[in-house]
Amino acid sequence: MTSLTFLGTGGGRFATIYQVRSTGGLYLRDGVNLHIDPGPGALVNMAKLKMDPAKTEAVLISHCHPDHYTDAEVLVEGMTRGGLKKRGWLVGSRSVMEGGDGHGPALSNYHLSLPDKKVMVTPGDEVRIGMMRIGVVKTKHSDPTGVGFIFHTSDGKIGYMSDTELDDDVVKQHEGCRILILALTRPLKARVPNHICTEDAAEIVKRVRPEMALLTHFGAKLIFDGTDKQARYIEENSGVKTVAAEDLMTVTVGKNIRIAKRGQQGTGEILDQDIPQSTLD
């Protein structure tokens, strides 16, 4: 049985700065415990769910933007039992591991030295962690070395399409996935470079045709516009069941795909702060 836990469903600059939603990334369990793109909020939400960072066996970082990596150093310390035991995997793009093209590196030399295995990946690579085979696929993003991942689980292929523009080659790599996880940053009629908007997501889902599409990594403008609204548009225009993920939501994949939601999402109010609408455009 494979499970996916959303430790944060926000993304982009302003959702991250104001924590409109958490930005803690995704946790995948299937014989091995993987934390993917642990941005701000990852550790806080693990604590809420009583998840032990010391049981993490791999940290995967798709590219070198803060909403994807800022909790990674502490998670690496947890994975290595405070740095006292050399264990676990750290997998990341070139920008994450070495830096380049104005990005990174994302972790200090000290933290890079802690895991037992450290792998810098590029599209076309494959990593095997325990029984899990992970394919590394391309993206088209402002971090040119960014990647996505295809997880070959015991319950079928799960594609994680990290930040990217709509691109034919990116889409083709995810064909055959049972579940497609999309980093959907922008809402309807609000396309910007380097990310997908809702219309792009509908086109991607229609072409890949997974059993289910899961939306995450929502920008502030999209959250205020309504995440379920975007999911309905994508489902209606692709014919594929589409779910807008929520913080702390768990998806269990077996013969059937089951979704469990925990708690209530915020209404868009951020304590007593207001985000100027102009910053969301």
Protein backbone atom coordinates (compact mmCIF):
# COMPACT_ATOMS: atom_id res chain seq x y z
CA MET A 1 0.00 0.00 0.00
CA THR A 2 1.36 3.41 -1.00
CA SER A 3 0.52 6.59 0.88
CA LEU A 4 1.05 10.25 0.05
CA THR A 5 0.81 12.90 2.76
CA PHE A 6 0.67 16.57 1.79
CA LEU A 7 2.72 18.44 4.39
CA GLY A 8 1.97 21.68 2.59
CA THR A 9 0.02 22.67 -0.51
CA GLY A 10 1.21 26.24 -0.96
CA GLY A 11 3.88 27.44 -3.35
CA GLY A 12 5.33 30.50 -4.99
CA ARG A 13 6.68 33.60 -3.31
CA PHE A 14 3.67 35.12 -1.60
CA ALA A 15 1.97 31.93 -0.46
CA THR A 16 5.33 31.05 1.09
CA ILE A 17 6.08 34.45 2.63
CA TYR A 18 2.66 34.73 4.26
CA GLN A 19 2.09 30.99 4.74
CA VAL A 20 -1.37 31.26 3.23
CA ARG A 21 -0.97 27.52 3.19
CA SER A 22 1.96 25.54 4.46
CA THR A 23 4.77 24.80 2.01
CA GLY A 24 6.10 21.59 3.55
CA GLY A 25 6.10 19.38 0.47
CA LEU A 26 5.05 15.77 0.08
CA TYR A 27 5.80 12.58 2.03
CA LEU A 28 5.61 9.25 0.19
CA ARG A 29 5.62 5.84 1.91
CA ASP A 30 5.92 2.55 0.05
CA GLY A 31 8.44 0.31 1.78
CA VAL A 32 10.64 3.39 2.09
CA ASN A 33 9.93 6.86 3.53
CA LEU A 34 10.62 9.72 1.13
CA HIS A 35 10.24 13.45 1.76
CA ILE A 36 9.90 15.44 -1.46
CA ASP A 37 10.53 19.20 -1.64
CA PRO A 38 10.45 20.09 2.10
CA GLY A 39 9.89 23.84 2.11
CA PRO A 40 8.81 26.00 5.07
CA GLY A 41 6.31 24.23 7.32
CA ALA A 42 7.49 20.67 6.72
CA LEU A 43 8.72 20.09 10.26
CA VAL A 44 5.77 21.84 11.90
CA ASN A 45 3.27 19.69 10.04
CA MET A 46 5.23 16.51 10.70
CA ALA A 47 4.93 17.34 14.38
CA LYS A 48 1.17 17.90 14.03
CA LEU A 49 0.82 14.45 12.48
CA LYS A 50 3.28 12.85 14.94
CA MET A 51 5.56 11.85 12.07
CA ASP A 52 9.14 11.13 13.15
CA PRO A 53 11.79 12.83 10.94
CA ALA A 54 14.29 10.19 12.14
CA LYS A 55 12.30 7.59 10.17
CA THR A 56 12.81 9.45 6.89
CA GLU A 57 15.09 7.50 4.56
CA ALA A 58 15.48 9.96 1.71
CA VAL A 59 15.06 13.67 1.05
CA LEU A 60 14.44 14.61 -2.59
CA ILE A 61 14.64 18.22 -3.79
CA SER A 62 13.52 19.04 -7.33
CA HIS A 63 15.14 22.46 -7.65
CA CYS A 64 16.71 25.30 -5.75
CA HIS A 65 13.85 27.61 -4.78
CA PRO A 66 13.12 28.24 -1.08
CA ASP A 67 9.56 26.89 -1.16
CA HIS A 68 11.09 23.51 -2.06
CA TYR A 69 14.09 23.20 0.25
CA THR A 70 14.27 25.46 3.32
CA ASP A 71 13.45 22.73 5.89
CA ALA A 72 15.80 20.25 4.24
CA GLU A 73 18.85 20.83 6.43
CA VAL A 74 16.96 20.06 9.64
CA LEU A 75 15.29 17.06 7.99
CA VAL A 76 18.71 15.75 6.98
CA GLU A 77 19.78 16.14 10.61
CA GLY A 78 16.68 14.19 11.66
CA MET A 79 17.31 11.48 9.07
CA THR A 80 20.89 11.11 10.30
CA ARG A 81 19.85 11.12 13.98
CA GLY A 82 21.26 14.57 14.65
CA GLY A 83 24.19 13.99 12.33
CA LEU A 84 25.47 11.16 14.55
CA LYS A 85 24.64 8.29 12.16
CA LYS A 86 25.57 8.32 8.50
CA ARG A 87 22.37 7.09 6.90
CA GLY A 88 19.77 7.92 4.29
CA TRP A 89 19.78 9.50 0.88
CA LEU A 90 19.88 13.09 -0.34
CA VAL A 91 18.78 13.45 -3.96
CA GLY A 92 18.69 16.78 -5.74
CA SER A 93 19.23 18.70 -8.93
CA ARG A 94 22.59 20.26 -9.78
CA SER A 95 21.47 23.65 -8.46
CA VAL A 96 20.50 22.05 -5.14
CA MET A 97 23.69 20.05 -4.70
CA GLU A 98 26.36 22.25 -6.30
CA GLY A 99 24.74 25.54 -7.26
CA GLY A 100 24.87 27.26 -10.60
CA ASP A 101 22.97 29.54 -12.96
CA GLY A 102 22.38 31.95 -10.10
CA HIS A 103 20.86 29.29 -7.83
CA GLY A 104 22.10 27.48 -4.73
CA PRO A 105 23.48 25.35 -3.43
CA ALA A 106 20.53 24.69 -1.13
CA LEU A 107 22.38 23.00 1.73
CA SER A 108 25.58 23.73 3.62
CA ASN A 109 28.66 21.60 3.03
CA TYR A 110 28.15 20.19 6.52
CA HIS A 111 24.62 18.99 5.77
CA LEU A 112 25.68 17.66 2.38
CA SER A 113 28.23 15.49 4.20
CA LEU A 114 25.75 13.84 6.59
CA PRO A 115 23.73 11.35 4.47
CA ASP A 116 25.13 7.98 3.58
CA LYS A 117 24.35 8.55 -0.09
CA LYS A 118 24.29 11.86 -1.95
CA VAL A 119 23.09 11.86 -5.56
CA MET A 120 22.98 14.79 -7.97
CA VAL A 121 20.44 13.99 -10.68
CA THR A 122 19.62 15.16 -14.18
CA PRO A 123 16.73 14.18 -16.48
CA GLY A 124 17.04 10.61 -17.68
CA ASP A 125 18.69 9.36 -14.50
CA GLU A 126 17.21 6.65 -12.31
CA VAL A 127 17.72 6.17 -8.58
CA ARG A 128 16.83 3.02 -6.63
CA ILE A 129 16.19 3.50 -2.91
CA GLY A 130 15.32 0.19 -1.28
CA MET A 131 12.70 -1.37 -3.55
CA MET A 132 11.64 2.01 -4.91
CA ARG A 133 12.73 2.91 -8.44
CA ILE A 134 12.63 6.66 -9.12
CA GLY A 135 12.89 8.10 -12.60
CA VAL A 136 14.18 11.65 -13.00
CA VAL A 137 12.41 13.75 -15.63
CA LYS A 138 12.86 17.21 -17.08
CA THR A 139 11.04 20.43 -16.30
CA LYS A 140 11.03 23.81 -18.02
CA HIS A 141 11.50 26.34 -15.24
CA SER A 142 13.50 29.38 -14.18
CA ASP A 143 15.91 27.02 -12.44
CA PRO A 144 17.20 25.33 -15.60
CA THR A 145 18.51 22.26 -13.77
CA GLY A 146 15.20 21.53 -12.03
CA VAL A 147 13.70 18.06 -12.31
CA GLY A 148 10.53 16.10 -11.67
CA PHE A 149 10.20 12.53 -10.43
CA ILE A 150 8.37 9.37 -11.47
CA PHE A 151 7.91 6.97 -8.55
CA HIS A 152 7.55 3.32 -9.55
CA THR A 153 5.59 2.16 -6.52
CA SER A 154 4.12 -1.22 -5.69
CA ASP A 155 0.76 0.29 -6.66
CA GLY A 156 1.73 1.81 -9.99
CA LYS A 157 3.54 4.86 -11.29
CA ILE A 158 3.08 8.20 -9.53
CA GLY A 159 4.30 11.27 -11.39
CA TYR A 160 5.41 14.41 -9.58
CA MET A 161 5.53 17.29 -12.05
CA SER A 162 7.37 19.99 -10.16
CA ASP A 163 7.39 23.66 -11.25
CA THR A 164 7.40 23.84 -15.03
CA GLU A 165 5.84 25.49 -18.03
CA LEU A 166 3.58 23.49 -20.34
CA ASP A 167 6.01 21.60 -22.56
CA ASP A 168 5.45 18.60 -24.86
CA ASP A 169 8.53 16.73 -23.67
CA VAL A 170 7.64 17.27 -20.00
CA VAL A 171 4.11 15.96 -20.57
CA LYS A 172 5.21 12.85 -22.49
CA GLN A 173 7.47 11.73 -19.65
CA HIS A 174 4.43 11.31 -17.37
CA GLU A 175 2.41 9.09 -19.69
CA GLY A 176 1.39 5.86 -18.00
CA CYS A 177 1.21 7.36 -14.51
CA ARG A 178 -1.65 6.14 -12.37
CA ILE A 179 -1.57 9.34 -10.33
CA LEU A 180 -0.26 12.68 -11.57
CA ILE A 181 0.71 15.32 -9.00
CA LEU A 182 0.84 18.80 -10.50
CA ALA A 183 2.49 21.91 -9.08
CA LEU A 184 -0.28 24.30 -10.08
CA THR A 185 0.79 27.81 -9.15
CA ARG A 186 -1.49 30.01 -11.22
CA PRO A 187 -5.30 30.07 -11.62
CA LEU A 188 -7.49 30.43 -14.69
CA LYS A 189 -6.52 33.22 -17.09
CA ALA A 190 -3.36 34.09 -15.13
CA ARG A 191 -0.50 32.41 -16.96
CA VAL A 192 3.05 33.54 -16.19
CA PRO A 193 6.40 32.19 -17.44
CA ASN A 194 7.98 29.15 -15.78
CA HIS A 195 4.75 27.78 -14.21
CA ILE A 196 1.50 26.19 -15.28
CA CYS A 197 -1.92 27.77 -14.91
CA THR A 198 -5.24 25.93 -14.69
CA GLU A 199 -5.77 25.82 -18.46
CA ASP A 200 -2.31 24.28 -18.88
CA ALA A 201 -3.05 21.72 -16.17
CA ALA A 202 -6.27 20.69 -17.93
CA GLU A 203 -4.33 20.12 -21.14
CA ILE A 204 -1.65 18.10 -19.33
CA VAL A 205 -4.16 15.91 -17.50
CA LYS A 206 -6.16 15.34 -20.68
CA ARG A 207 -3.03 14.12 -22.46
CA VAL A 208 -1.56 12.00 -19.65
CA ARG A 209 -4.93 10.54 -18.60
CA PRO A 210 -4.03 9.25 -15.13
CA GLU A 211 -6.64 7.64 -12.90
CA MET A 212 -6.49 10.74 -10.72
CA ALA A 213 -4.85 14.16 -10.84
CA LEU A 214 -3.77 15.76 -7.56
CA LEU A 215 -3.19 19.51 -7.49
CA THR A 216 -0.77 21.18 -5.07
CA HIS A 217 1.80 24.00 -4.77
CA PHE A 218 -0.87 26.70 -5.06
CA GLY A 219 0.13 30.33 -5.36
CA ALA A 220 -1.63 32.97 -3.25
CA LYS A 221 -3.67 34.32 -6.16
CA LEU A 222 -4.94 30.83 -6.95
CA ILE A 223 -5.80 30.11 -3.30
CA PHE A 224 -7.88 33.28 -3.08
CA ASP A 225 -9.53 32.46 -6.42
CA GLY A 226 -10.48 29.00 -5.10
CA THR A 227 -8.60 25.71 -5.37
CA ASP A 228 -11.73 23.60 -5.85
CA LYS A 229 -12.75 25.89 -8.70
CA GLN A 230 -9.53 25.02 -10.51
CA ALA A 231 -10.03 21.31 -9.85
CA ARG A 232 -13.57 21.41 -11.26
CA TYR A 233 -12.36 23.15 -14.44
CA ILE A 234 -9.62 20.59 -14.96
CA GLU A 235 -11.93 17.63 -14.34
CA GLU A 236 -14.62 18.99 -16.66
CA ASN A 237 -12.13 19.70 -19.43
CA SER A 238 -10.04 16.54 -19.13
CA GLY A 239 -12.55 13.89 -18.06
CA VAL A 240 -10.15 12.81 -15.28
CA LYS A 241 -10.97 12.84 -11.57
CA THR A 242 -9.12 15.86 -10.17
CA VAL A 243 -8.63 16.75 -6.51
CA ALA A 244 -7.21 19.96 -5.05
CA ALA A 245 -5.02 18.77 -2.19
CA GLU A 246 -5.27 20.27 1.29
CA ASP A 247 -2.63 20.60 3.98
CA LEU A 248 -2.32 17.34 5.98
CA MET A 249 -4.37 15.39 3.44
CA THR A 250 -3.37 11.75 2.90
CA VAL A 251 -3.95 9.74 -0.26
CA THR A 252 -3.76 5.96 0.03
CA VAL A 253 -3.16 4.03 -3.17
CA GLY A 254 -4.04 0.37 -3.50
CA LYS A 255 -6.63 -1.28 -5.69
CA ASN A 256 -8.64 1.87 -4.99
CA ILE A 257 -7.46 5.41 -4.32
CA ARG A 258 -8.71 6.83 -1.03
CA ILE A 259 -8.44 10.38 0.30
CA ALA A 260 -8.48 11.38 3.97
CA LYS A 261 -8.61 15.06 4.92
CA ARG A 262 -7.64 16.36 8.35
CA GLY A 263 -8.88 19.63 9.81
CA GLN A 264 -10.11 22.76 8.13
CA GLN A 265 -8.27 24.90 5.63
CA GLY A 266 -7.98 28.64 6.19
CA THR A 267 -10.36 31.04 4.48
CA GLY A 268 -7.64 33.25 3.08
CA GLU A 269 -7.29 35.37 6.22
CA ILE A 270 -3.73 35.42 7.49
CA LEU A 271 -3.88 36.30 11.18
CA ASP A 272 -4.42 40.07 11.11
CA GLN A 273 -2.32 40.66 7.98
CA ASP A 274 -3.50 41.58 4.53
CA ILE A 275 -1.63 40.81 1.32
CA PRO A 276 -1.88 43.67 -1.16
CA GLN A 277 -3.75 42.39 -4.21
CA SER A 278 -1.13 43.97 -6.48
CA THR A 279 1.49 41.57 -5.16
CA LEU A 280 -0.54 38.59 -6.38
CA ASP A 281 -0.64 39.60 -10.04
